[in-house]
PDB file of N, CA and C in Angstrom:
ATOM      1  N   MET A   1       0.771  -1.115   0.057  1.00  0.00           N
ATOM      2  CA  MET A   1       0.063  -0.016  -0.020  1.00  0.00           C
ATOM      3  C   MET A   1       0.917   1.261   0.070  1.00  0.00           C
ATOM      4  N   SER A   2       0.475   2.214  -0.904  1.00  0.00           N
ATOM      5  CA  SER A   2       1.430   3.445  -0.832  1.00  0.00           C
ATOM      6  C   SER A   2       0.421   4.569  -0.591  1.00  0.00           C
ATOM      7  N   GLY A   3       0.839   5.722  -0.391  1.00  0.00           N
ATOM      8  CA  GLY A   3       0.075   6.964  -0.250  1.00  0.00           C
ATOM      9  C   GLY A   3       0.887   8.178   0.065  1.00  0.00           C
ATOM     10  N   GLN A   4       0.253   9.121   0.313  1.00  0.00           N
ATOM     11  CA  GLN A   4       0.824  10.353   0.751  1.00  0.00           C
ATOM     12  C   GLN A   4       0.489  10.924   2.097  1.00  0.00           C
ATOM     13  N   VAL A   5       1.344  11.261   2.786  1.00  0.00           N
ATOM     14  CA  VAL A   5       1.121  11.913   4.087  1.00  0.00           C
ATOM     15  C   VAL A   5       1.322  13.412   4.106  1.00  0.00           C
ATOM     16  N   TYR A   6       0.431  14.321   4.550  1.00  0.00           N
ATOM     17  CA  TYR A   6       0.593  15.622   4.565  1.00  0.00           C
ATOM     18  C   TYR A   6       0.682  16.072   6.102  1.00  0.00           C
ATOM     19  N   ILE A   7       1.652  16.910   6.226  1.00  0.00           N
ATOM     20  CA  ILE A   7       1.899  17.531   7.579  1.00  0.00           C
ATOM     21  C   ILE A   7       1.440  18.923   7.623  1.00  0.00           C
ATOM     22  N   GLY A   8       0.803  19.211   8.671  1.00  0.00           N
ATOM     23  CA  GLY A   8       0.376  20.654   8.926  1.00  0.00           C
ATOM     24  C   GLY A   8       0.312  20.914  10.304  1.00  0.00           C
ATOM     25  N   THR A   9      -0.366  21.929  10.811  1.00  0.00           N
ATOM     26  CA  THR A   9      -0.705  22.186  12.237  1.00  0.00           C
ATOM     27  C   THR A   9      -2.207  22.379  12.371  1.00  0.00           C
ATOM     28  N   SER A  10      -2.573  22.571  13.620  1.00  0.00           N
ATOM     29  CA  SER A  10      -3.998  22.761  14.028  1.00  0.00           C
ATOM     30  C   SER A  10      -4.480  24.083  13.823  1.00  0.00           C
ATOM     31  N   GLY A  11      -3.833  24.825  13.105  1.00  0.00           N
ATOM     32  CA  GLY A  11      -4.285  26.164  12.794  1.00  0.00           C
ATOM     33  C   GLY A  11      -3.086  26.999  12.408  1.00  0.00           C
ATOM     34  N   PHE A  12      -3.356  28.347  12.113  1.00  0.00           N
ATOM     35  CA  PHE A  12      -2.306  29.208  11.735  1.00  0.00           C
ATOM     36  C   PHE A  12      -2.323  30.629  12.336  1.00  0.00           C
ATOM     37  N   ASN A  13      -3.402  30.900  13.070  1.00  0.00           N
ATOM     38  CA  ASN A  13      -3.659  32.174  13.461  1.00  0.00           C
ATOM     39  C   ASN A  13      -3.344  32.363  15.058  1.00  0.00           C
ATOM     40  N   TYR A  14      -2.031  32.081  15.355  1.00  0.00           N
ATOM     41  CA  TYR A  14      -1.430  32.079  16.713  1.00  0.00           C
ATOM     42  C   TYR A  14      -0.543  33.402  16.818  1.00  0.00           C
ATOM     43  N   SER A  15      -0.988  34.257  17.784  1.00  0.00           N
ATOM     44  CA  SER A  15      -0.158  35.409  17.982  1.00  0.00           C
ATOM     45  C   SER A  15       1.165  35.097  18.530  1.00  0.00           C
ATOM     46  N   ASP A  16       1.510  33.939  19.161  1.00  0.00           N
ATOM     47  CA  ASP A  16       2.639  33.516  19.673  1.00  0.00           C
ATOM     48  C   ASP A  16       3.745  33.184  18.564  1.00  0.00           C
ATOM     49  N   TRP A  17       3.126  33.092  17.471  1.00  0.00           N
ATOM     50  CA  TRP A  17       4.147  32.765  16.304  1.00  0.00           C
ATOM     51  C   TRP A  17       4.741  33.853  15.579  1.00  0.00           C
ATOM     52  N   LYS A  18       4.247  35.238  15.981  1.00  0.00           N
ATOM     53  CA  LYS A  18       4.842  36.426  15.412  1.00  0.00           C
ATOM     54  C   LYS A  18       6.325  36.570  15.719  1.00  0.00           C
ATOM     55  N   ALA A  19       6.998  36.675  14.757  1.00  0.00           N
ATOM     56  CA  ALA A  19       8.523  36.914  14.835  1.00  0.00           C
ATOM     57  C   ALA A  19       9.320  35.482  15.253  1.00  0.00           C
ATOM     58  N   VAL A  20       8.476  34.459  15.313  1.00  0.00           N
ATOM     59  CA  VAL A  20       9.066  33.167  15.549  1.00  0.00           C
ATOM     60  C   VAL A  20       8.867  32.336  14.250  1.00  0.00           C
ATOM     61  N   PHE A  21       7.573  32.175  13.942  1.00  0.00           N
ATOM     62  CA  PHE A  21       7.377  31.452  12.554  1.00  0.00           C
ATOM     63  C   PHE A  21       7.170  32.726  11.463  1.00  0.00           C
ATOM     64  N   TYR A  22       6.336  33.440  11.730  1.00  0.00           N
ATOM     65  CA  TYR A  22       6.075  34.564  10.813  1.00  0.00           C
ATOM     66  C   TYR A  22       7.165  35.631  10.917  1.00  0.00           C
ATOM     67  N   PRO A  23       7.764  35.983   9.924  1.00  0.00           N
ATOM     68  CA  PRO A  23       8.801  36.989   9.901  1.00  0.00           C
ATOM     69  C   PRO A  23       8.170  38.261  10.487  1.00  0.00           C
ATOM     70  N   LYS A  24       9.014  38.940  11.292  1.00  0.00           N
ATOM     71  CA  LYS A  24       8.681  40.143  12.058  1.00  0.00           C
ATOM     72  C   LYS A  24       8.102  41.135  10.942  1.00  0.00           C
ATOM     73  N   GLY A  25       6.979  41.713  11.430  1.00  0.00           N
ATOM     74  CA  GLY A  25       6.336  42.747  10.436  1.00  0.00           C
ATOM     75  C   GLY A  25       5.284  42.162   9.519  1.00  0.00           C
ATOM     76  N   THR A  26       5.049  40.848   9.423  1.00  0.00           N
ATOM     77  CA  THR A  26       4.155  40.335   8.483  1.00  0.00           C
ATOM     78  C   THR A  26       2.882  40.575   8.951  1.00  0.00           C
ATOM     79  N   PRO A  27       1.951  41.232   8.287  1.00  0.00           N
ATOM     80  CA  PRO A  27       0.508  41.642   8.515  1.00  0.00           C
ATOM     81  C   PRO A  27      -0.245  40.227   8.756  1.00  0.00           C
ATOM     82  N   GLN A  28      -1.055  40.462   9.780  1.00  0.00           N
ATOM     83  CA  GLN A  28      -1.860  39.111  10.070  1.00  0.00           C
ATOM     84  C   GLN A  28      -2.717  38.594   8.917  1.00  0.00           C
ATOM     85  N   ASN A  29      -3.227  39.500   7.974  1.00  0.00           N
ATOM     86  CA  ASN A  29      -3.905  38.991   6.858  1.00  0.00           C
ATOM     87  C   ASN A  29      -3.086  38.266   5.811  1.00  0.00           C
ATOM     88  N   GLN A  30      -1.723  38.297   6.152  1.00  0.00           N
ATOM     89  CA  GLN A  30      -0.894  37.554   5.094  1.00  0.00           C
ATOM     90  C   GLN A  30      -0.416  36.191   5.849  1.00  0.00           C
ATOM     91  N   TRP A  31      -0.806  35.869   7.093  1.00  0.00           N
ATOM     92  CA  TRP A  31      -0.190  34.812   7.781  1.00  0.00           C
ATOM     93  C   TRP A  31      -0.673  33.545   7.013  1.00  0.00           C
ATOM     94  N   LEU A  32      -1.903  33.225   6.641  1.00  0.00           N
ATOM     95  CA  LEU A  32      -2.328  32.072   5.928  1.00  0.00           C
ATOM     96  C   LEU A  32      -1.498  31.826   4.577  1.00  0.00           C
ATOM     97  N   SER A  33      -1.230  32.852   3.842  1.00  0.00           N
ATOM     98  CA  SER A  33      -0.375  32.838   2.563  1.00  0.00           C
ATOM     99  C   SER A  33       0.965  32.307   3.007  1.00  0.00           C
ATOM    100  N   PHE A  34       1.596  33.049   3.879  1.00  0.00           N
ATOM    101  CA  PHE A  34       2.968  32.574   4.274  1.00  0.00           C
ATOM    102  C   PHE A  34       2.960  31.166   4.801  1.00  0.00           C
ATOM    103  N   TYR A  35       2.031  30.873   5.578  1.00  0.00           N
ATOM    104  CA  TYR A  35       1.832  29.476   6.204  1.00  0.00           C
ATOM    105  C   TYR A  35       1.875  28.452   4.976  1.00  0.00           C
ATOM    106  N   ALA A  36       0.993  28.641   3.939  1.00  0.00           N
ATOM    107  CA  ALA A  36       0.737  27.775   2.892  1.00  0.00           C
ATOM    108  C   ALA A  36       1.966  27.485   2.088  1.00  0.00           C
ATOM    109  N   GLN A  37       2.998  28.415   2.123  1.00  0.00           N
ATOM    110  CA  GLN A  37       4.188  28.286   1.467  1.00  0.00           C
ATOM    111  C   GLN A  37       5.188  27.209   2.049  1.00  0.00           C
ATOM    112  N   HIS A  38       4.833  26.883   3.225  1.00  0.00           N
ATOM    113  CA  HIS A  38       5.602  25.840   4.063  1.00  0.00           C
ATOM    114  C   HIS A  38       4.943  24.575   4.390  1.00  0.00           C
ATOM    115  N   TYR A  39       3.681  24.610   4.444  1.00  0.00           N
ATOM    116  CA  TYR A  39       2.801  23.531   4.709  1.00  0.00           C
ATOM    117  C   TYR A  39       1.657  23.402   3.836  1.00  0.00           C
ATOM    118  N   PRO A  40       1.527  22.095   3.370  1.00  0.00           N
ATOM    119  CA  PRO A  40       0.489  21.944   2.371  1.00  0.00           C
ATOM    120  C   PRO A  40      -1.101  21.685   2.997  1.00  0.00           C
ATOM    121  N   THR A  41      -1.164  21.637   4.272  1.00  0.00           N
ATOM    122  CA  THR A  41      -2.483  21.352   4.790  1.00  0.00           C
ATOM    123  C   THR A  41      -2.466  22.240   6.152  1.00  0.00           C
ATOM    124  N   VAL A  42      -3.727  22.665   6.622  1.00  0.00           N
ATOM    125  CA  VAL A  42      -3.966  23.149   7.805  1.00  0.00           C
ATOM    126  C   VAL A  42      -5.376  22.731   8.380  1.00  0.00           C
ATOM    127  N   GLU A  43      -5.504  22.441   9.655  1.00  0.00           N
ATOM    128  CA  GLU A  43      -6.735  22.075  10.258  1.00  0.00           C
ATOM    129  C   GLU A  43      -7.452  23.295  10.665  1.00  0.00           C
ATOM    130  N   ILE A  44      -8.750  23.410  10.259  1.00  0.00           N
ATOM    131  CA  ILE A  44      -9.664  24.447  10.569  1.00  0.00           C
ATOM    132  C   ILE A  44     -10.806  23.631  11.292  1.00  0.00           C
ATOM    133  N   ASN A  45     -10.866  23.659  12.416  1.00  0.00           N
ATOM    134  CA  ASN A  45     -11.987  22.848  13.247  1.00  0.00           C
ATOM    135  C   ASN A  45     -13.273  23.699  13.404  1.00  0.00           C
ATOM    136  N   ALA A  46     -13.509  24.584  12.512  1.00  0.00           N
ATOM    137  CA  ALA A  46     -14.903  25.482  12.825  1.00  0.00           C
ATOM    138  C   ALA A  46     -16.158  24.536  12.600  1.00  0.00           C
ATOM    139  N   THR A  47     -16.078  23.438  11.881  1.00  0.00           N
ATOM    140  CA  THR A  47     -17.225  22.518  11.737  1.00  0.00           C
ATOM    141  C   THR A  47     -17.537  21.832  13.017  1.00  0.00           C
ATOM    142  N   PHE A  48     -16.597  21.775  13.891  1.00  0.00           N
ATOM    143  CA  PHE A  48     -16.975  21.243  15.161  1.00  0.00           C
ATOM    144  C   PHE A  48     -17.972  21.929  15.991  1.00  0.00           C
ATOM    145  N   TYR A  49     -17.944  23.126  15.723  1.00  0.00           N
ATOM    146  CA  TYR A  49     -18.831  24.118  16.404  1.00  0.00           C
ATOM    147  C   TYR A  49     -20.197  24.092  15.657  1.00  0.00           C
ATOM    148  N   ARG A  50     -20.220  24.230  14.291  1.00  0.00           N
ATOM    149  CA  ARG A  50     -21.459  24.446  13.560  1.00  0.00           C
ATOM    150  C   ARG A  50     -21.110  23.981  12.115  1.00  0.00           C
ATOM    151  N   TYR A  51     -22.173  23.839  11.412  1.00  0.00           N
ATOM    152  CA  TYR A  51     -22.031  23.392   9.820  1.00  0.00           C
ATOM    153  C   TYR A  51     -22.029  24.747   9.060  1.00  0.00           C
ATOM    154  N   PHE A  52     -21.116  24.758   8.049  1.00  0.00           N
ATOM    155  CA  PHE A  52     -21.105  25.859   7.211  1.00  0.00           C
ATOM    156  C   PHE A  52     -21.765  25.682   5.817  1.00  0.00           C
ATOM    157  N   PRO A  53     -22.240  26.644   5.113  1.00  0.00           N
ATOM    158  CA  PRO A  53     -22.752  26.309   3.838  1.00  0.00           C
ATOM    159  C   PRO A  53     -21.541  26.025   2.814  1.00  0.00           C
ATOM    160  N   CYS A  54     -21.737  25.195   1.843  1.00  0.00           N
ATOM    161  CA  CYS A  54     -20.613  24.924   0.836  1.00  0.00           C
ATOM    162  C   CYS A  54     -19.964  26.139   0.316  1.00  0.00           C
ATOM    163  N   THR A  55     -20.637  27.072   0.066  1.00  0.00           N
ATOM    164  CA  THR A  55     -19.938  28.266  -0.424  1.00  0.00           C
ATOM    165  C   THR A  55     -18.720  28.889   0.540  1.00  0.00           C
ATOM    166  N   ARG A  56     -18.862  28.529   1.788  1.00  0.00           N
ATOM    167  CA  ARG A  56     -18.065  29.098   2.688  1.00  0.00           C
ATOM    168  C   ARG A  56     -16.643  28.348   2.361  1.00  0.00           C
ATOM    169  N   SER A  57     -16.658  27.109   2.031  1.00  0.00           N
ATOM    170  CA  SER A  57     -15.328  26.475   1.776  1.00  0.00           C
ATOM    171  C   SER A  57     -14.764  26.589   0.364  1.00  0.00           C
ATOM    172  N   ASP A  58     -15.407  27.274  -0.465  1.00  0.00           N
ATOM    173  CA  ASP A  58     -15.045  27.535  -1.802  1.00  0.00           C
ATOM    174  C   ASP A  58     -13.888  28.398  -1.885  1.00  0.00           C
ATOM    175  N   LEU A  59     -12.659  28.005  -2.128  1.00  0.00           N
ATOM    176  CA  LEU A  59     -11.340  28.804  -2.013  1.00  0.00           C
ATOM    177  C   LEU A  59     -10.972  29.076  -3.431  1.00  0.00           C
ATOM    178  N   THR A  60     -11.766  28.794  -4.476  1.00  0.00           N
ATOM    179  CA  THR A  60     -11.261  29.026  -5.843  1.00  0.00           C
ATOM    180  C   THR A  60     -11.541  30.472  -6.283  1.00  0.00           C
TER     181      THR A  60
END
């Protein structure tokens, strides 16, 4: 059996990561873009709290 394993984290919006993972001065609205350059996946557990319409997850 073969497959792929994707490594990511349980989120990306952590203020403790400023100047540690995110370069100093990186605006918060660019954190996901920066994160995506390093990891191919991120967990967003919002659906644990409620269901969202399909249009909410359309990232195209």
